[in-house]
Every structure is written in C-alpha cells, then in structure tokens.
Protein backbone atom coordinates (compact mmCIF):
# COMPACT_ATOMS: atom_id res chain seq x y z
CA MET A 1 -57.44 40.42 98.56
CA CYS A 2 -61.08 39.47 99.06
CA PRO A 3 -62.90 42.07 101.24
CA GLU A 4 -65.35 39.40 102.47
CA CYS A 5 -63.08 36.61 103.77
CA GLY A 6 -59.65 38.25 103.62
CA ASN A 7 -58.05 35.58 101.40
CA ASN A 8 -56.06 36.28 98.24
CA ASN A 9 -57.09 33.09 96.42
CA LEU A 10 -58.68 34.87 93.46
CA ILE A 11 -59.64 33.46 90.04
CA LEU A 12 -59.95 35.31 86.71
CA ASP A 13 -62.88 33.93 84.70
CA ASN A 14 -62.18 34.99 81.11
CA SER A 15 -65.44 33.63 79.75
CA ARG A 16 -67.56 35.78 82.12
CA ALA A 17 -65.04 38.64 82.48
CA GLU A 18 -65.10 38.41 86.26
CA ILE A 19 -62.66 38.09 89.17
CA ILE A 20 -64.03 35.67 91.77
CA CYS A 21 -62.84 34.64 95.23
CA ASN A 22 -62.21 30.88 95.16
CA ASP A 23 -63.00 30.50 98.89
CA CYS A 24 -66.26 32.39 99.46
CA GLY A 25 -67.44 32.90 95.85
CA LEU A 26 -67.65 36.71 96.05
CA VAL A 27 -67.46 38.47 92.67
CA LEU A 28 -64.91 41.25 93.15
CA THR A 29 -64.88 42.68 89.62
CA GLN A 30 -67.10 42.17 86.61
CA LYS A 31 -67.33 43.35 82.99
CA ILE A 32 -63.54 43.37 82.59
CA ILE A 33 -62.46 44.82 79.25
CA ASP A 34 -60.54 42.37 77.08
CA SER A 35 -57.48 44.24 75.75
CA GLY A 36 -56.44 41.36 73.48
CA PRO A 37 -57.17 40.96 69.74
CA GLU A 38 -60.66 40.18 68.49
CA TRP A 39 -59.36 37.26 66.38
CA ARG A 40 -58.31 33.80 67.56
CA ALA A 41 -55.27 31.82 66.52
CA PHE A 42 -54.31 28.24 67.31
CA SER A 43 -50.72 28.27 66.06
CA ALA A 44 -47.81 30.71 65.83
CA GLU A 45 -48.01 30.76 62.03
CA GLU A 46 -51.73 31.59 62.13
CA ALA A 47 -51.10 34.36 64.67
CA ASN A 48 -48.40 35.91 62.46
CA ASN A 49 -50.75 35.88 59.48
CA LYS A 50 -53.60 37.56 61.36
CA VAL A 51 -51.65 40.19 63.24
CA ARG A 52 -52.17 43.71 61.86
CA VAL A 53 -49.90 45.86 64.01
CA GLY A 54 -46.16 46.51 64.15
CA ALA A 55 -43.72 47.11 66.95
CA PRO A 56 -44.74 49.45 69.82
CA THR A 57 -43.71 53.09 69.74
CA THR A 58 -40.45 53.97 71.44
CA LEU A 59 -38.68 57.22 72.23
CA THR A 60 -35.30 55.70 71.35
CA LEU A 61 -36.03 56.13 67.61
CA HIS A 62 -36.06 59.60 66.11
CA ASP A 63 -39.51 59.04 64.57
CA LYS A 64 -40.75 56.96 67.55
CA GLY A 65 -40.94 53.93 65.25
CA LEU A 66 -44.05 55.17 63.43
CA SER A 67 -42.56 55.66 59.96
CA THR A 68 -42.79 53.11 57.17
CA MET A 69 -39.96 51.57 55.17
CA ILE A 70 -39.83 50.41 51.55
CA GLY A 71 -38.58 46.84 51.60
CA TRP A 72 -35.30 45.74 49.97
CA LYS A 73 -36.47 42.38 48.57
CA ASN A 74 -37.24 43.69 45.04
CA LYS A 75 -40.38 41.59 44.82
CA ASP A 76 -43.99 42.51 44.11
CA ALA A 77 -47.12 41.68 46.11
CA PHE A 78 -47.26 38.18 44.58
CA GLY A 79 -43.67 37.37 45.57
CA LYS A 80 -42.33 37.60 41.98
CA SER A 81 -39.12 39.48 41.13
CA ILE A 82 -39.70 42.91 39.60
CA SER A 83 -38.30 43.99 36.22
CA PRO A 84 -34.94 45.84 35.91
CA LYS A 85 -36.76 49.03 34.91
CA MET A 86 -38.95 48.85 38.00
CA LYS A 87 -35.88 48.12 40.16
CA ALA A 88 -34.33 51.43 39.16
CA GLU A 89 -37.60 53.24 39.95
CA VAL A 90 -37.96 51.56 43.34
CA TYR A 91 -34.31 52.28 44.14
CA ARG A 92 -34.93 55.98 43.48
CA LEU A 93 -38.05 55.88 45.67
CA ARG A 94 -36.13 54.24 48.48
CA LYS A 95 -33.38 56.86 48.30
CA TRP A 96 -35.79 59.78 48.51
CA HIS A 97 -37.85 58.06 51.17
CA VAL A 98 -34.78 57.80 53.42
CA ARG A 99 -33.91 61.43 52.74
CA THR A 100 -37.39 62.73 53.55
CA ARG A 101 -37.41 60.90 56.90
CA THR A 102 -34.79 63.35 58.19
CA ASN A 103 -35.52 66.47 56.18
CA LYS A 104 -35.75 68.69 59.30
CA SER A 105 -32.76 69.67 61.43
CA ILE A 106 -34.35 68.35 64.64
CA ASP A 107 -34.97 64.98 62.94
CA ARG A 108 -31.33 64.75 61.85
CA ASN A 109 -30.25 65.71 65.37
CA LEU A 110 -32.47 63.08 66.99
CA ALA A 111 -31.42 60.39 64.47
CA TYR A 112 -27.75 60.93 65.28
CA ALA A 113 -28.41 61.20 69.04
CA MET A 114 -30.51 58.02 69.18
CA ASN A 115 -27.79 56.06 67.34
CA GLU A 116 -25.28 57.31 69.91
CA LEU A 117 -27.70 56.36 72.70
CA ASP A 118 -27.76 52.78 71.42
CA ARG A 119 -23.95 52.74 71.46
CA PHE A 120 -23.68 54.07 75.01
CA ALA A 121 -26.43 51.74 76.25
CA SER A 122 -24.56 48.76 74.80
CA GLN A 123 -21.20 49.80 76.25
CA LEU A 124 -22.58 50.68 79.70
CA ASN A 125 -25.11 47.80 79.89
CA LEU A 126 -28.04 50.15 80.42
CA SER A 127 -31.56 48.77 80.66
CA LYS A 128 -34.40 49.58 78.28
CA ASP A 129 -36.11 51.76 80.90
CA ILE A 130 -32.99 53.90 81.32
CA LYS A 131 -32.74 54.28 77.53
CA GLU A 132 -36.35 55.43 77.32
CA SER A 133 -35.88 57.87 80.22
CA SER A 134 -32.67 59.26 78.67
CA ALA A 135 -34.38 59.72 75.28
CA HIS A 136 -37.30 61.46 76.98
CA ILE A 137 -34.97 63.95 78.71
CA TYR A 138 -33.00 64.59 75.51
CA ARG A 139 -36.19 65.17 73.49
CA LYS A 140 -37.40 67.71 76.04
CA MET A 141 -34.14 69.64 75.70
CA ALA A 142 -34.36 69.42 71.89
CA ASN A 143 -37.94 70.75 71.91
CA LYS A 144 -36.76 73.67 74.06
CA ASN A 145 -34.14 74.38 71.34
CA LEU A 146 -31.32 74.02 73.89
CA ILE A 147 -29.23 71.54 71.89
CA ARG A 148 -28.21 74.10 69.28
CA GLY A 149 -24.71 75.43 69.90
CA ARG A 150 -23.85 72.60 72.27
CA SER A 151 -22.25 69.21 71.78
CA ILE A 152 -24.83 66.52 70.97
CA GLU A 153 -22.68 63.88 72.65
CA ALA A 154 -22.22 65.96 75.82
CA MET A 155 -25.95 66.67 76.06
CA LEU A 156 -26.80 63.01 75.45
CA ILE A 157 -24.38 61.76 78.12
CA ALA A 158 -25.76 64.35 80.53
CA SER A 159 -29.29 63.05 79.78
CA ILE A 160 -28.21 59.45 80.45
CA TYR A 161 -26.48 60.50 83.68
CA ALA A 162 -29.61 62.39 84.80
CA ALA A 163 -31.76 59.32 84.04
CA CYS A 164 -29.39 57.15 86.10
CA ARG A 165 -29.53 59.60 89.01
CA ILE A 166 -33.34 59.74 88.88
CA ASN A 167 -33.59 55.92 88.92
CA SER A 168 -30.86 55.51 91.62
CA ILE A 169 -28.48 53.69 89.26
CA PRO A 170 -24.93 53.78 90.74
CA LYS A 171 -23.12 55.58 87.91
CA THR A 172 -20.67 58.46 88.06
CA LEU A 173 -19.60 60.89 85.35
CA ASP A 174 -16.22 59.16 85.22
CA ASP A 175 -17.96 55.99 83.99
CA PHE A 176 -19.02 57.83 80.81
CA ILE A 177 -15.68 59.52 80.08
CA GLU A 178 -14.12 56.25 78.94
CA PHE A 179 -16.54 55.97 76.00
CA ALA A 180 -16.95 59.69 75.23
CA SER A 181 -14.94 62.08 73.07
CA VAL A 182 -15.90 65.16 75.12
CA ASP A 183 -14.36 66.28 78.39
CA LYS A 184 -15.95 66.04 81.81
CA LYS A 185 -16.49 69.80 82.20
CA LYS A 186 -18.74 70.00 79.14
CA ILE A 187 -20.85 67.06 80.34
CA ALA A 188 -21.16 68.56 83.84
CA ARG A 189 -22.21 71.92 82.34
CA CYS A 190 -24.89 70.23 80.22
CA TYR A 191 -26.07 68.21 83.23
CA ARG A 192 -26.54 71.39 85.30
CA LEU A 193 -28.44 72.94 82.38
CA ILE A 194 -30.80 69.95 82.22
CA ILE A 195 -31.45 70.06 85.97
CA ASN A 196 -32.19 73.79 85.90
CA GLU A 197 -34.28 73.88 82.72
CA LEU A 198 -36.41 70.81 83.44
CA ARG A 199 -36.55 71.55 87.18
CA ILE A 200 -35.63 68.02 88.13
CA SER A 201 -35.19 67.34 91.83
CA ILE A 202 -32.46 64.74 92.33
CA LYS A 203 -31.43 63.36 95.69
CA VAL A 204 -27.80 62.88 96.67
CA SER A 205 -26.53 59.45 95.68
CA SER A 206 -26.37 57.02 98.56
CA PRO A 207 -22.97 55.30 99.00
CA ILE A 208 -24.85 52.06 99.80
CA ASN A 209 -25.97 51.88 96.14
CA PHE A 210 -22.32 51.56 95.05
CA ILE A 211 -21.51 48.68 97.42
CA PRO A 212 -22.85 45.76 95.26
CA ARG A 213 -21.06 47.10 92.18
CA PHE A 214 -17.69 47.47 93.95
CA CYS A 215 -18.08 44.06 95.62
CA ALA A 216 -18.60 42.43 92.23
CA GLU A 217 -15.46 44.10 90.84
CA LEU A 218 -13.39 43.13 93.90
CA ASN A 219 -14.85 39.60 94.12
CA LEU A 220 -16.00 40.03 97.73
CA SER A 221 -18.57 37.87 99.51
CA GLY A 222 -22.11 38.77 100.52
CA SER A 223 -21.18 38.99 104.20
CA THR A 224 -18.62 41.69 103.40
CA GLN A 225 -21.22 43.51 101.36
CA ASN A 226 -23.73 43.42 104.23
CA ARG A 227 -21.04 44.50 106.70
CA ALA A 228 -20.11 47.50 104.55
CA ALA A 229 -23.77 48.51 104.30
CA GLU A 230 -24.07 48.35 108.10
CA ILE A 231 -21.00 50.57 108.47
CA LEU A 232 -22.46 53.15 106.09
CA LYS A 233 -25.84 53.12 107.86
CA LEU A 234 -24.07 53.72 111.15
CA ALA A 235 -21.96 56.47 109.60
CA LYS A 236 -25.11 58.16 108.29
CA LYS A 237 -26.66 57.90 111.75
CA PHE A 238 -23.71 59.83 113.24
CA ARG A 239 -23.72 62.26 110.25
CA ILE A 240 -20.26 61.37 108.99
CA THR A 241 -21.45 61.07 105.37
CA ALA A 242 -22.52 64.72 104.99
CA GLY A 243 -20.60 66.51 102.26
CA LYS A 244 -18.54 63.46 101.27
CA ALA A 245 -18.37 61.81 97.85
CA PRO A 246 -20.45 58.58 97.90
CA THR A 247 -17.84 56.55 95.98
CA GLY A 248 -15.08 57.41 98.47
CA LEU A 249 -17.30 56.51 101.43
CA ALA A 250 -18.36 53.23 99.81
CA GLY A 251 -14.72 52.33 99.13
CA ALA A 252 -13.62 53.12 102.71
CA ALA A 253 -16.53 51.13 104.17
CA LEU A 254 -15.60 48.17 101.95
CA TYR A 255 -11.97 48.48 103.07
CA VAL A 256 -13.04 48.22 106.75
CA ALA A 257 -15.59 45.45 106.10
CA ALA A 258 -13.13 43.38 104.07
CA MET A 259 -10.58 43.48 106.92
CA GLN A 260 -13.21 42.47 109.48
CA GLU A 261 -14.48 39.58 107.33
CA GLY A 262 -10.99 38.28 106.56
CA GLU A 263 -11.08 39.27 102.86
CA ARG A 264 -8.50 42.02 102.99
CA ARG A 265 -8.04 44.16 99.88
CA THR A 266 -5.38 46.81 99.39
CA GLN A 267 -6.25 50.50 99.24
CA ARG A 268 -5.02 50.58 95.66
CA GLU A 269 -7.38 47.78 94.59
CA ILE A 270 -10.34 49.51 96.20
CA SER A 271 -9.39 52.92 94.80
CA LEU A 272 -9.26 51.48 91.26
CA ALA A 273 -12.68 49.86 91.68
CA ALA A 274 -14.20 53.01 93.22
CA GLY A 275 -12.58 55.41 90.76
CA VAL A 276 -11.06 57.61 93.50
CA THR A 277 -7.52 58.18 94.75
CA GLU A 278 -5.87 56.16 97.50
CA ALA A 279 -5.63 59.34 99.60
CA THR A 280 -9.45 59.64 99.52
CA ILE A 281 -9.81 56.05 100.72
CA ARG A 282 -7.32 56.69 103.55
CA ASN A 283 -9.03 59.90 104.65
CA ARG A 284 -12.52 58.37 104.67
CA TYR A 285 -11.12 55.28 106.44
CA LYS A 286 -9.60 57.42 109.22
CA GLU A 287 -12.88 59.30 109.66
CA LEU A 288 -14.85 56.06 109.97
CA ILE A 289 -12.36 54.63 112.45
CA ASN A 290 -12.15 57.77 114.61
CA HIS A 291 -15.88 58.35 114.84
CA LEU A 292 -17.30 54.83 114.91
CA LYS A 293 -14.71 53.28 117.25
CA ILE A 294 -15.75 55.68 119.98
CA GLN A 295 -19.32 54.39 119.84
CA ASN A 296 -18.19 50.74 120.29
CA GLU A 297 -21.03 49.61 118.06
CA ILE A 298 -19.05 48.23 115.18
CA PHE A 299 -15.67 47.18 116.51
CA SER A 300 -16.94 45.42 119.61
C-alpha cells in the first residue's frame, strides 16, 4: 500500500528496478535486486540450452539431490555410441558410483526411509510441504542417533504424524496403520520420543478440522458442514470438548447436524467414517444433547 495516497495500485518497473505508485507517482522501492538469470532467452529450446543449474535441493532425497549420476545412454559427448570395451568400463563405474553414494550407514538408512516416505505420501495424498517437514523431523532424529535400535518404518510414520499435527492436518494414527507393517504401540512410542527429544509443542487437534473430511466421505452438503462446526464451537464455549477425542466429537456433531438439515446418516455410517465405535458416537451425542439443549441456542 502506498504510504502517500493509501492506494494499492502499484507497478513494478523492471527496467529501472523500482516499485511505483500508479496514482501519485511515489517511488516506494528502488534498486531491487534481480534474482533471475543474467542471460536472455526467447524460446523454450533456447532457455533449456542456456540453463546451467539442476533441480532444487530437497530433504526428501537422502543426498538432498546434490549428487551426480552417470547417464545410461552409452553415448559420448558428441552423441556417438561408445565401443563395447568402453561400455564394460562405464558399467563398472556406474556400479561403484551407486555403491559409494550409500557407503555410510546413515546414508543407507536415509535412502530406505525416503523411499518409504514417497510411498506413504502417495498412499495418504500428502502434500510436498508435509513431505519436506516429515523428512526434516526424521533427519533430526537420525542425526541424534535415535533411529538405531528402532523400527525405521515406525519412526518415519511418527515423523509424518508429527508433521501433520504441526500443520493442523486432520490425520489420526489409525490412518497410517492401514499402510504400515508395524503396530500402533510402536508408532505411538516413537511419536512420544520425537516430541520429547525435539521439544515440539503441539496443540490438541480441533474436532472442527475433521468435519470437512468426514463430510466428504459421507457425501453431506455444505450447510450440514457449517451446522456441525457451529455445534462444536458452542460445545467448546460450554467446555464440553475438554478431554474428549476430536474424531468422536466431530462424528457426534455431524450426526446432530445431519438430522437437523434433513440428511440423516446412521451412527454406523458416521462411526466408520470417523474411525471410532458406535458407542463413542452415542455417548458424545448424548453429551451434546444434554448440555446444549438446556441453553436453547441450537435447538430453538
């Protein structure tokens, strides 16, 4: 926003490296550093020929994507096929090059863990940011030498779960069990270790975060979703949510909201979507009814 006239109609002048207000002409910023390449290209082919850098670094690769690879085309610098004798030599070089990339135990550990991370991210539809955050947490534990003696898969799932909790992604440990070969107790133990060792402060999951996910699985409308969120906000106001599992509360609120909006779903359907028992849905439903009906703010 322009401090002179208060408008946000600003223009970036690349030729003068300035940001100018289009209304009053005030120069807000000057001498802007150009972070682009020093060369110019007028076509995609020309840009590909001039570019001199590779892919950006990423924590989801064991070597952060900085290592080089010997190509598999069996051609020299002029594009001609190499001789059979040279092929055998290059094959041997490739083999030892791959071996030396993971010659340390921590490199072999990270290579296996990052491959598993790609698998879990694909199966759970995790975003790139969550993958990077999970890899960052796992690398910290590996550098502290806390992976040794523990299951790599359990520690990796615990890292992904911690990343989801930090970024307020509505995931529970039960969501990971389906694709894991380790039991829930091991994952929970590794998760507690990560929280204690890295001193991560994680807030309690809000049941409102689970509402859109459950609505999508139950094929409920937006009005039901909004109604369930209102019920949960009111329940939090009267401190009914304290000490309760967020998935059970979200399922009970959806059960009430669906009845009020004329989109009734059975307790069994909601319990399957929420991953809790029908008894939990019934108990949370009774608590919502008994406490909120007295206030006459939701059932009026």
